[in-house]
Each structure stands twice: as C-alpha cells, then as structure tokens.
C-alpha cells in the first residue's frame, strides 16, 4: 500500500513542477488543482502497471509473477 501512496505523491509533485514550467512556455493558464488531479491519476496508473511489467522480466515469489 505504501508504494502506491509514494508513487501518487511523487507523480503529483512532478506534474506540479512540469505544469509550472510548461504553462508559460505554452502560454496557457496555470491551474494547480487540475495538475494535482492529473498527477494523482497518472501516479495511480503507473503504480498499478509497472509491477505487472517488471514481474514478467524477473521471476520471483510475488503475486504478480505467477
């Protein structure tokens, strides 16, 4: 459960920074609430998808590699 929370928090931080830098470059408005929601969604997707991808490349005793 902890890795999901950590991945979501870091994704929110990264999208917040990318949005802060990217908004002036694209001449769009900076909306931090939207960025944090998008970061949370991507963080959740990454935390669910990446263990399934890496489990196929390395066989161990986890539930994903069966």
N, C-alpha and C. Protein backbone atom coordinates (compact mmCIF):
# COMPACT_ATOMS: atom_id res chain seq x y z
N UNK A 1 0.82 -1.19 0.00
CA UNK A 1 0.00 0.00 0.00
C UNK A 1 0.86 1.26 0.00
N UNK A 2 2.01 1.16 0.65
CA UNK A 2 2.89 2.32 0.74
C UNK A 2 3.45 2.76 -0.59
N UNK A 3 3.77 1.78 -1.45
CA UNK A 3 4.34 2.17 -2.74
C UNK A 3 3.33 2.90 -3.62
N UNK A 4 2.04 2.59 -3.46
CA UNK A 4 1.02 3.30 -4.23
C UNK A 4 0.95 4.77 -3.79
N UNK A 5 1.00 4.98 -2.49
CA UNK A 5 0.93 6.34 -1.98
C UNK A 5 2.16 7.14 -2.39
N UNK A 6 3.33 6.53 -2.27
CA UNK A 6 4.56 7.22 -2.64
C UNK A 6 4.57 7.54 -4.13
N UNK A 7 4.15 6.61 -4.96
CA UNK A 7 4.13 6.83 -6.40
C UNK A 7 3.14 7.94 -6.76
N UNK A 8 1.98 7.97 -6.12
CA UNK A 8 0.99 9.01 -6.39
C UNK A 8 1.51 10.37 -5.95
N UNK A 9 2.13 10.44 -4.79
CA UNK A 9 2.66 11.72 -4.30
C UNK A 9 3.75 12.25 -5.21
N UNK A 10 4.68 11.39 -5.62
CA UNK A 10 5.75 11.84 -6.50
C UNK A 10 5.22 12.24 -7.88
N UNK A 11 4.23 11.53 -8.38
CA UNK A 11 3.64 11.91 -9.66
C UNK A 11 2.96 13.27 -9.56
N UNK A 12 2.31 13.54 -8.42
CA UNK A 12 1.68 14.84 -8.23
C UNK A 12 2.73 15.95 -8.15
N UNK A 13 3.85 15.68 -7.49
CA UNK A 13 4.92 16.67 -7.41
C UNK A 13 5.51 16.94 -8.79
N UNK A 14 5.76 15.88 -9.55
CA UNK A 14 6.35 16.06 -10.88
C UNK A 14 5.41 16.79 -11.83
N UNK A 15 4.14 16.48 -11.83
CA UNK A 15 3.21 17.19 -12.71
C UNK A 15 3.03 18.63 -12.27
N UNK A 16 3.11 18.88 -10.97
CA UNK A 16 3.04 20.25 -10.48
C UNK A 16 4.21 21.07 -11.01
N UNK A 17 5.41 20.50 -10.98
CA UNK A 17 6.61 21.20 -11.46
C UNK A 17 6.55 21.36 -12.98
N UNK A 18 6.17 20.29 -13.69
CA UNK A 18 6.09 20.37 -15.15
C UNK A 18 5.05 21.39 -15.59
N UNK A 19 3.92 21.43 -14.90
CA UNK A 19 2.89 22.42 -15.22
C UNK A 19 3.34 23.83 -14.94
N UNK A 20 4.09 24.02 -13.85
CA UNK A 20 4.61 25.34 -13.50
C UNK A 20 5.58 25.85 -14.56
N UNK A 21 6.40 24.97 -15.08
CA UNK A 21 7.35 25.36 -16.12
C UNK A 21 6.67 25.43 -17.49
N UNK A 22 5.77 24.48 -17.76
CA UNK A 22 5.17 24.40 -19.09
C UNK A 22 4.10 25.43 -19.38
N UNK A 23 3.41 25.93 -18.36
CA UNK A 23 2.32 26.89 -18.60
C UNK A 23 2.82 28.17 -19.26
N UNK A 24 3.89 28.79 -18.81
CA UNK A 24 4.36 29.99 -19.52
C UNK A 24 4.90 29.69 -20.92
N UNK A 25 5.46 28.49 -21.09
CA UNK A 25 6.02 28.15 -22.40
C UNK A 25 4.92 27.95 -23.44
N UNK A 26 3.78 27.44 -23.02
CA UNK A 26 2.67 27.21 -23.95
C UNK A 26 1.64 28.32 -23.92
N UNK A 27 1.89 29.34 -23.13
CA UNK A 27 1.02 30.50 -22.99
C UNK A 27 -0.39 30.09 -22.56
N UNK A 28 -0.46 29.16 -21.63
CA UNK A 28 -1.74 28.72 -21.07
C UNK A 28 -1.81 29.11 -19.60
N UNK A 29 -2.98 28.98 -19.03
CA UNK A 29 -3.13 29.34 -17.63
C UNK A 29 -2.60 28.22 -16.73
N UNK A 30 -2.17 28.61 -15.55
CA UNK A 30 -1.60 27.67 -14.58
C UNK A 30 -2.68 27.36 -13.56
N UNK A 31 -3.16 26.10 -13.56
CA UNK A 31 -4.20 25.68 -12.64
C UNK A 31 -3.65 24.52 -11.79
N UNK A 32 -3.23 24.80 -10.56
CA UNK A 32 -2.59 23.75 -9.76
C UNK A 32 -3.53 22.60 -9.37
N UNK A 33 -4.82 22.88 -9.21
CA UNK A 33 -5.75 21.81 -8.82
C UNK A 33 -5.86 20.77 -9.93
N UNK A 34 -5.95 21.22 -11.16
CA UNK A 34 -6.02 20.30 -12.30
C UNK A 34 -4.74 19.49 -12.41
N UNK A 35 -3.61 20.14 -12.19
CA UNK A 35 -2.33 19.43 -12.27
C UNK A 35 -2.21 18.36 -11.20
N UNK A 36 -2.67 18.64 -10.01
CA UNK A 36 -2.59 17.66 -8.94
C UNK A 36 -3.52 16.47 -9.19
N UNK A 37 -4.67 16.72 -9.77
CA UNK A 37 -5.59 15.63 -10.10
C UNK A 37 -5.00 14.75 -11.20
N UNK A 38 -4.45 15.38 -12.23
CA UNK A 38 -3.82 14.63 -13.32
C UNK A 38 -2.64 13.83 -12.80
N UNK A 39 -1.84 14.43 -11.92
CA UNK A 39 -0.72 13.72 -11.32
C UNK A 39 -1.15 12.53 -10.49
N UNK A 40 -2.25 12.67 -9.76
CA UNK A 40 -2.75 11.56 -8.95
C UNK A 40 -3.22 10.41 -9.83
N UNK A 41 -3.88 10.74 -10.94
CA UNK A 41 -4.37 9.70 -11.86
C UNK A 41 -3.20 8.97 -12.50
N UNK A 42 -2.21 9.71 -13.00
CA UNK A 42 -1.05 9.07 -13.62
C UNK A 42 -0.24 8.28 -12.60
N UNK A 43 -0.11 8.79 -11.40
CA UNK A 43 0.61 8.06 -10.36
C UNK A 43 -0.06 6.75 -10.02
N UNK A 44 -1.38 6.75 -9.95
CA UNK A 44 -2.11 5.52 -9.68
C UNK A 44 -1.95 4.53 -10.83
N UNK A 45 -2.04 5.01 -12.05
CA UNK A 45 -1.86 4.13 -13.21
C UNK A 45 -0.45 3.53 -13.24
N UNK A 46 0.55 4.37 -13.01
CA UNK A 46 1.93 3.87 -13.02
C UNK A 46 2.16 2.86 -11.91
N UNK A 47 1.62 3.12 -10.72
CA UNK A 47 1.85 2.20 -9.62
C UNK A 47 1.13 0.87 -9.82
N UNK A 48 0.10 0.85 -10.63
CA UNK A 48 -0.59 -0.40 -10.92
C UNK A 48 0.02 -1.15 -12.11
N UNK A 49 0.56 -0.43 -13.08
CA UNK A 49 1.04 -1.04 -14.32
C UNK A 49 2.49 -1.53 -14.18
N UNK A 50 3.36 -0.77 -13.56
CA UNK A 50 4.78 -1.08 -13.54
C UNK A 50 5.09 -2.42 -12.86
N UNK A 51 4.47 -2.78 -11.73
CA UNK A 51 4.78 -4.11 -11.16
C UNK A 51 4.38 -5.26 -12.09
N UNK A 52 3.35 -5.09 -12.87
CA UNK A 52 2.96 -6.14 -13.81
C UNK A 52 3.96 -6.26 -14.96
N UNK A 53 4.52 -5.16 -15.39
CA UNK A 53 5.51 -5.19 -16.47
C UNK A 53 6.81 -5.82 -15.97
N UNK A 54 7.28 -5.42 -14.81
CA UNK A 54 8.56 -5.93 -14.32
C UNK A 54 8.45 -7.37 -13.83
N UNK A 55 7.28 -7.82 -13.45
CA UNK A 55 7.13 -9.20 -12.98
C UNK A 55 7.36 -10.20 -14.10
N UNK A 56 7.12 -9.82 -15.32
CA UNK A 56 7.33 -10.73 -16.44
C UNK A 56 8.81 -10.85 -16.80
N UNK A 57 9.61 -9.87 -16.42
CA UNK A 57 11.03 -9.93 -16.75
C UNK A 57 11.86 -10.60 -15.66
N UNK A 58 11.32 -10.73 -14.47
CA UNK A 58 12.06 -11.33 -13.36
C UNK A 58 11.11 -12.23 -12.58
N UNK A 59 11.45 -13.49 -12.49
CA UNK A 59 10.60 -14.44 -11.78
C UNK A 59 10.97 -14.47 -10.30
N UNK A 60 9.99 -14.18 -9.46
CA UNK A 60 10.19 -14.30 -8.03
C UNK A 60 8.92 -14.87 -7.40
N UNK A 61 8.80 -14.78 -6.12
CA UNK A 61 7.67 -15.37 -5.42
C UNK A 61 6.52 -14.39 -5.19
N UNK A 62 6.50 -13.28 -5.92
CA UNK A 62 5.42 -12.32 -5.71
C UNK A 62 4.16 -12.77 -6.42
N UNK A 63 3.07 -12.11 -6.10
CA UNK A 63 1.78 -12.49 -6.69
C UNK A 63 1.72 -12.11 -8.17
N UNK A 64 2.53 -11.15 -8.60
CA UNK A 64 2.46 -10.67 -9.98
C UNK A 64 3.18 -11.60 -10.95
N UNK A 65 4.12 -12.40 -10.49
CA UNK A 65 4.91 -13.22 -11.41
C UNK A 65 4.33 -14.61 -11.61
N UNK A 66 3.15 -14.88 -11.15
CA UNK A 66 2.54 -16.20 -11.32
C UNK A 66 1.70 -16.28 -12.57
